[in-house]
Amino acid sequence: FSLYYFGPRKVAQTVYSFPASASVRSLSLDFFLKEIAGVLRKIKVEGVIITYLSSLVRLHELIPFSTLSLATTARVQEVLFTLSQPGGPYYAPKAVRVQARNSFSKIYPHGKRMRALFKILTSILHPAYSVNAMLSNISTLLGRICSTWPWERLGATCRDLVRRVSGPRGPSRRAVD
């Protein structure tokens, strides 16, 4: 939890306080990042995950992750990738997915286009996610357009219609009668 409580600067100081050998320093960074990846898997609070992800980017700016072992790199990439995808096993909220995607592209800039292509392909293969996202974006756009007085009633009607068309999205929402 040191990344959350003390911040990336203190973690970088701790890593640099190990002996001067480059291999020992990379092993200590490996240890810290394995633990951070494990903690990121267990956290369920949106604000804490977003803080961890932004701190992870700042830690990468202080200590480049290029010296990491292949196993640790794979773990960090796996956690960032799963947090950036809708659905299981994490069911991350949209703000977490966006922050994870941004963190992934800042820490590992190579392959950014391939990840974007993969996201588009998974949206095509899972149309339920893309239709709900599209309806949500249309509803938000209509809400912005229809925010003036004469259009408020029409906007409310359109939002109600979009909610009815999109249907229930999970166990926490009840269907509108």
C-alpha atoms as a PDB file:
ATOM      1  CA  PHE A   1       0.000   0.000   0.000  1.00  0.00           C
ATOM      2  CA  SER A   2       3.057   2.250  -0.023  1.00  0.00           C
ATOM      3  CA  LEU A   3       2.228   3.608  -3.480  1.00  0.00           C
ATOM      4  CA  TYR A   4      -1.158   4.823  -2.222  1.00  0.00           C
ATOM      5  CA  TYR A   5      -0.108   6.180   1.167  1.00  0.00           C
ATOM      6  CA  PHE A   6       3.376   7.527   0.434  1.00  0.00           C
ATOM      7  CA  GLY A   7       3.181   8.213  -3.290  1.00  0.00           C
ATOM      8  CA  PRO A   8       5.457   7.317  -6.170  1.00  0.00           C
ATOM      9  CA  ARG A   9       8.322   9.575  -5.064  1.00  0.00           C
ATOM     10  CA  LYS A  10       8.758   7.686  -1.759  1.00  0.00           C
ATOM     11  CA  VAL A  11       8.591   4.304  -3.522  1.00  0.00           C
ATOM     12  CA  ALA A  12      11.253   5.497  -5.986  1.00  0.00           C
ATOM     13  CA  GLN A  13      13.440   6.620  -3.056  1.00  0.00           C
ATOM     14  CA  THR A  14      13.003   3.209  -1.435  1.00  0.00           C
ATOM     15  CA  VAL A  15      13.985   1.412  -4.645  1.00  0.00           C
ATOM     16  CA  TYR A  16      17.026   3.669  -5.070  1.00  0.00           C
ATOM     17  CA  SER A  17      18.066   3.114  -1.435  1.00  0.00           C
ATOM     18  CA  PHE A  18      18.993  -0.493  -2.229  1.00  0.00           C
ATOM     19  CA  PRO A  19      22.657  -1.191  -3.085  1.00  0.00           C
ATOM     20  CA  ALA A  20      24.093   0.369  -6.237  1.00  0.00           C
ATOM     21  CA  SER A  21      24.048  -2.788  -8.349  1.00  0.00           C
ATOM     22  CA  ALA A  22      21.636  -2.389 -11.248  1.00  0.00           C
ATOM     23  CA  SER A  23      20.410  -5.974 -10.941  1.00  0.00           C
ATOM     24  CA  VAL A  24      19.532  -5.534  -7.249  1.00  0.00           C
ATOM     25  CA  ARG A  25      17.707  -2.297  -8.042  1.00  0.00           C
ATOM     26  CA  SER A  26      15.681  -3.986 -10.790  1.00  0.00           C
ATOM     27  CA  LEU A  27      14.895  -6.881  -8.431  1.00  0.00           C
ATOM     28  CA  SER A  28      13.577  -4.453  -5.817  1.00  0.00           C
ATOM     29  CA  LEU A  29      11.476  -2.688  -8.475  1.00  0.00           C
ATOM     30  CA  ASP A  30      10.204  -6.123  -9.563  1.00  0.00           C
ATOM     31  CA  PHE A  31       9.206  -6.871  -5.978  1.00  0.00           C
ATOM     32  CA  PHE A  32       7.354  -3.570  -5.557  1.00  0.00           C
ATOM     33  CA  LEU A  33       5.519  -3.873  -8.874  1.00  0.00           C
ATOM     34  CA  LYS A  34       4.487  -7.488  -8.211  1.00  0.00           C
ATOM     35  CA  GLU A  35       2.973  -6.340  -4.933  1.00  0.00           C
ATOM     36  CA  ILE A  36       1.327  -3.306  -6.557  1.00  0.00           C
ATOM     37  CA  ALA A  37      -0.190  -5.542  -9.265  1.00  0.00           C
ATOM     38  CA  GLY A  38      -1.490  -7.882  -6.566  1.00  0.00           C
ATOM     39  CA  VAL A  39      -3.030  -5.000  -4.645  1.00  0.00           C
ATOM     40  CA  LEU A  40      -4.616  -3.587  -7.827  1.00  0.00           C
ATOM     41  CA  ARG A  41      -6.341  -6.939  -8.386  1.00  0.00           C
ATOM     42  CA  LYS A  42      -7.890  -6.841  -4.913  1.00  0.00           C
ATOM     43  CA  ILE A  43      -9.021  -3.202  -4.695  1.00  0.00           C
ATOM     44  CA  LYS A  44     -12.714  -2.603  -5.348  1.00  0.00           C
ATOM     45  CA  VAL A  45     -12.999   1.164  -4.666  1.00  0.00           C
ATOM     46  CA  GLU A  46     -13.033   3.265  -7.840  1.00  0.00           C
ATOM     47  CA  GLY A  47     -11.213   6.308  -6.443  1.00  0.00           C
ATOM     48  CA  VAL A  48      -8.428   4.211  -4.936  1.00  0.00           C
ATOM     49  CA  ILE A  49      -7.863   2.323  -8.198  1.00  0.00           C
ATOM     50  CA  ILE A  50      -7.673   5.598 -10.132  1.00  0.00           C
ATOM     51  CA  THR A  51      -5.164   6.974  -7.591  1.00  0.00           C
ATOM     52  CA  TYR A  52      -3.078   3.801  -7.871  1.00  0.00           C
ATOM     53  CA  LEU A  53      -3.083   3.962 -11.677  1.00  0.00           C
ATOM     54  CA  SER A  54      -2.034   7.620 -11.809  1.00  0.00           C
ATOM     55  CA  SER A  55       0.661   6.943  -9.180  1.00  0.00           C
ATOM     56  CA  LEU A  56       1.878   4.009 -11.255  1.00  0.00           C
ATOM     57  CA  VAL A  57       2.360   6.346 -14.235  1.00  0.00           C
ATOM     58  CA  ARG A  58       4.272   8.830 -12.066  1.00  0.00           C
ATOM     59  CA  LEU A  59       6.416   5.977 -10.693  1.00  0.00           C
ATOM     60  CA  HIS A  60       7.221   4.954 -14.271  1.00  0.00           C
ATOM     61  CA  GLU A  61       8.316   8.541 -14.974  1.00  0.00           C
ATOM     62  CA  LEU A  62      10.671   8.395 -11.969  1.00  0.00           C
ATOM     63  CA  ILE A  63      11.960   4.854 -12.581  1.00  0.00           C
ATOM     64  CA  PRO A  64      11.497   3.495 -16.120  1.00  0.00           C
ATOM     65  CA  PHE A  65      10.004   0.008 -16.150  1.00  0.00           C
ATOM     66  CA  SER A  66      12.356  -1.128 -18.933  1.00  0.00           C
ATOM     67  CA  THR A  67      14.532  -3.062 -16.438  1.00  0.00           C
ATOM     68  CA  LEU A  68      11.675  -5.242 -15.207  1.00  0.00           C
ATOM     69  CA  SER A  69      11.730  -8.991 -15.604  1.00  0.00           C
ATOM     70  CA  LEU A  70       9.497 -10.489 -18.262  1.00  0.00           C
ATOM     71  CA  ALA A  71       7.183 -12.035 -15.650  1.00  0.00           C
ATOM     72  CA  THR A  72       6.630  -8.731 -13.836  1.00  0.00           C
ATOM     73  CA  THR A  73       6.068  -6.873 -17.106  1.00  0.00           C
ATOM     74  CA  ALA A  74       3.465  -9.467 -18.086  1.00  0.00           C
ATOM     75  CA  ARG A  75       1.733  -9.140 -14.692  1.00  0.00           C
ATOM     76  CA  VAL A  76       1.552  -5.358 -14.846  1.00  0.00           C
ATOM     77  CA  GLN A  77       0.315  -5.426 -18.447  1.00  0.00           C
ATOM     78  CA  GLU A  78      -2.278  -8.083 -17.592  1.00  0.00           C
ATOM     79  CA  VAL A  79      -3.676  -6.043 -14.701  1.00  0.00           C
ATOM     80  CA  LEU A  80      -3.793  -2.851 -16.774  1.00  0.00           C
ATOM     81  CA  PHE A  81      -5.424  -4.687 -19.673  1.00  0.00           C
ATOM     82  CA  THR A  82      -8.122  -6.358 -17.580  1.00  0.00           C
ATOM     83  CA  LEU A  83      -8.910  -3.075 -15.828  1.00  0.00           C
ATOM     84  CA  SER A  84      -9.279  -1.372 -19.218  1.00  0.00           C
ATOM     85  CA  GLN A  85     -11.858  -3.874 -20.513  1.00  0.00           C
ATOM     86  CA  PRO A  86     -15.592  -3.902 -19.749  1.00  0.00           C
ATOM     87  CA  GLY A  87     -17.009  -7.006 -18.162  1.00  0.00           C
ATOM     88  CA  GLY A  88     -15.448  -9.674 -16.014  1.00  0.00           C
ATOM     89  CA  PRO A  89     -13.538 -10.505 -13.969  1.00  0.00           C
ATOM     90  CA  TYR A  90     -13.339  -6.946 -12.554  1.00  0.00           C
ATOM     91  CA  TYR A  91     -16.378  -5.162 -14.059  1.00  0.00           C
ATOM     92  CA  ALA A  92     -14.474  -1.895 -13.756  1.00  0.00           C
ATOM     93  CA  PRO A  93     -16.452   1.367 -13.968  1.00  0.00           C
ATOM     94  CA  LYS A  94     -15.914   3.604 -16.989  1.00  0.00           C
ATOM     95  CA  ALA A  95     -13.617   6.052 -15.160  1.00  0.00           C
ATOM     96  CA  VAL A  96     -11.343   3.175 -14.115  1.00  0.00           C
ATOM     97  CA  ARG A  97     -11.322   1.734 -17.646  1.00  0.00           C
ATOM     98  CA  VAL A  98     -10.362   5.109 -19.133  1.00  0.00           C
ATOM     99  CA  GLN A  99      -7.611   5.681 -16.539  1.00  0.00           C
ATOM    100  CA  ALA A 100      -6.289   2.127 -17.028  1.00  0.00           C
ATOM    101  CA  ARG A 101      -6.202   2.641 -20.805  1.00  0.00           C
ATOM    102  CA  ASN A 102      -4.363   5.958 -20.382  1.00  0.00           C
ATOM    103  CA  SER A 103      -1.910   4.438 -17.904  1.00  0.00           C
ATOM    104  CA  PHE A 104      -1.297   1.477 -20.201  1.00  0.00           C
ATOM    105  CA  SER A 105      -0.513   3.723 -23.165  1.00  0.00           C
ATOM    106  CA  LYS A 106       1.804   5.971 -21.109  1.00  0.00           C
ATOM    107  CA  ILE A 107       3.734   3.137 -19.476  1.00  0.00           C
ATOM    108  CA  TYR A 108       3.841   0.877 -22.550  1.00  0.00           C
ATOM    109  CA  PRO A 109       3.513   3.147 -25.617  1.00  0.00           C
ATOM    110  CA  HIS A 110       4.505   0.409 -28.084  1.00  0.00           C
ATOM    111  CA  GLY A 111       1.431  -1.483 -29.240  1.00  0.00           C
ATOM    112  CA  LYS A 112      -1.003   1.353 -28.540  1.00  0.00           C
ATOM    113  CA  ARG A 113      -2.594   1.070 -31.995  1.00  0.00           C
ATOM    114  CA  MET A 114      -2.856  -2.704 -31.729  1.00  0.00           C
ATOM    115  CA  ARG A 115      -4.658  -2.370 -28.386  1.00  0.00           C
ATOM    116  CA  ALA A 116      -7.060   0.178 -29.917  1.00  0.00           C
ATOM    117  CA  LEU A 117      -7.743  -2.231 -32.795  1.00  0.00           C
ATOM    118  CA  PHE A 118      -8.320  -5.043 -30.297  1.00  0.00           C
ATOM    119  CA  LYS A 119     -10.794  -2.860 -28.383  1.00  0.00           C
ATOM    120  CA  ILE A 120     -12.732  -2.133 -31.584  1.00  0.00           C
ATOM    121  CA  LEU A 121     -12.784  -5.814 -32.536  1.00  0.00           C
ATOM    122  CA  THR A 122     -14.048  -6.861 -29.104  1.00  0.00           C
ATOM    123  CA  SER A 123     -16.764  -4.208 -29.380  1.00  0.00           C
ATOM    124  CA  ILE A 124     -17.839  -5.727 -32.684  1.00  0.00           C
ATOM    125  CA  LEU A 125     -17.757  -9.265 -31.273  1.00  0.00           C
ATOM    126  CA  HIS A 126     -19.691  -8.237 -28.148  1.00  0.00           C
ATOM    127  CA  PRO A 127     -22.458  -6.021 -29.554  1.00  0.00           C
ATOM    128  CA  ALA A 128     -24.299  -5.768 -26.229  1.00  0.00           C
ATOM    129  CA  TYR A 129     -21.482  -3.616 -24.819  1.00  0.00           C
ATOM    130  CA  SER A 130     -21.193  -1.430 -27.912  1.00  0.00           C
ATOM    131  CA  VAL A 131     -24.964  -0.883 -28.287  1.00  0.00           C
ATOM    132  CA  ASN A 132     -25.306   0.147 -24.636  1.00  0.00           C
ATOM    133  CA  ALA A 133     -22.292   2.458 -24.933  1.00  0.00           C
ATOM    134  CA  MET A 134     -23.684   3.997 -28.117  1.00  0.00           C
ATOM    135  CA  LEU A 135     -27.117   4.537 -26.553  1.00  0.00           C
ATOM    136  CA  SER A 136     -25.493   6.074 -23.485  1.00  0.00           C
ATOM    137  CA  ASN A 137     -23.473   8.471 -25.662  1.00  0.00           C
ATOM    138  CA  ILE A 138     -26.586   9.429 -27.664  1.00  0.00           C
ATOM    139  CA  SER A 139     -28.504  10.015 -24.432  1.00  0.00           C
ATOM    140  CA  THR A 140     -25.720  12.243 -23.085  1.00  0.00           C
ATOM    141  CA  LEU A 141     -25.567  14.184 -26.348  1.00  0.00           C
ATOM    142  CA  LEU A 142     -29.340  14.647 -26.393  1.00  0.00           C
ATOM    143  CA  GLY A 143     -29.172  15.795 -22.776  1.00  0.00           C
ATOM    144  CA  ARG A 144     -26.635  18.462 -23.668  1.00  0.00           C
ATOM    145  CA  ILE A 145     -28.622  19.622 -26.697  1.00  0.00           C
ATOM    146  CA  CYS A 146     -31.954  19.573 -24.897  1.00  0.00           C
ATOM    147  CA  SER A 147     -30.866  21.318 -21.705  1.00  0.00           C
ATOM    148  CA  THR A 148     -32.795  24.549 -22.439  1.00  0.00           C
ATOM    149  CA  TRP A 149     -36.360  25.076 -21.171  1.00  0.00           C
ATOM    150  CA  PRO A 150     -38.475  24.311 -24.278  1.00  0.00           C
ATOM    151  CA  TRP A 151     -36.479  21.190 -24.950  1.00  0.00           C
ATOM    152  CA  GLU A 152     -36.394  19.792 -21.395  1.00  0.00           C
ATOM    153  CA  ARG A 153     -39.568  17.775 -21.766  1.00  0.00           C
ATOM    154  CA  LEU A 154     -38.486  16.380 -25.132  1.00  0.00           C
ATOM    155  CA  GLY A 155     -35.068  15.544 -23.655  1.00  0.00           C
ATOM    156  CA  ALA A 156     -36.646  13.730 -20.707  1.00  0.00           C
ATOM    157  CA  THR A 157     -38.869  11.788 -23.096  1.00  0.00           C
ATOM    158  CA  CYS A 158     -35.879  10.835 -25.274  1.00  0.00           C
ATOM    159  CA  ARG A 159     -33.826   9.742 -22.247  1.00  0.00           C
ATOM    160  CA  ASP A 160     -36.752   7.661 -21.017  1.00  0.00           C
ATOM    161  CA  LEU A 161     -37.065   6.095 -24.459  1.00  0.00           C
ATOM    162  CA  VAL A 162     -33.345   5.283 -24.567  1.00  0.00           C
ATOM    163  CA  ARG A 163     -33.557   3.681 -21.107  1.00  0.00           C
ATOM    164  CA  ARG A 164     -36.478   1.543 -22.226  1.00  0.00           C
ATOM    165  CA  VAL A 165     -34.737   0.482 -25.419  1.00  0.00           C
ATOM    166  CA  SER A 166     -31.426  -0.328 -23.738  1.00  0.00           C
ATOM    167  CA  GLY A 167     -33.196  -2.416 -21.103  1.00  0.00           C
ATOM    168  CA  PRO A 168     -31.788  -3.429 -17.729  1.00  0.00           C
ATOM    169  CA  ARG A 169     -27.984  -3.602 -17.582  1.00  0.00           C
ATOM    170  CA  GLY A 170     -27.425  -5.689 -14.533  1.00  0.00           C
ATOM    171  CA  PRO A 171     -28.818  -7.069 -11.315  1.00  0.00           C
ATOM    172  CA  SER A 172     -28.807  -3.658  -9.622  1.00  0.00           C
ATOM    173  CA  ARG A 173     -31.201  -2.017 -12.135  1.00  0.00           C
ATOM    174  CA  ARG A 174     -34.887  -2.797 -12.290  1.00  0.00           C
ATOM    175  CA  ALA A 175     -36.826  -2.735 -15.534  1.00  0.00           C
ATOM    176  CA  VAL A 176     -39.013   0.340 -16.044  1.00  0.00           C
ATOM    177  CA  ASP A 177     -42.721  -0.548 -16.267  1.00  0.00           C
END
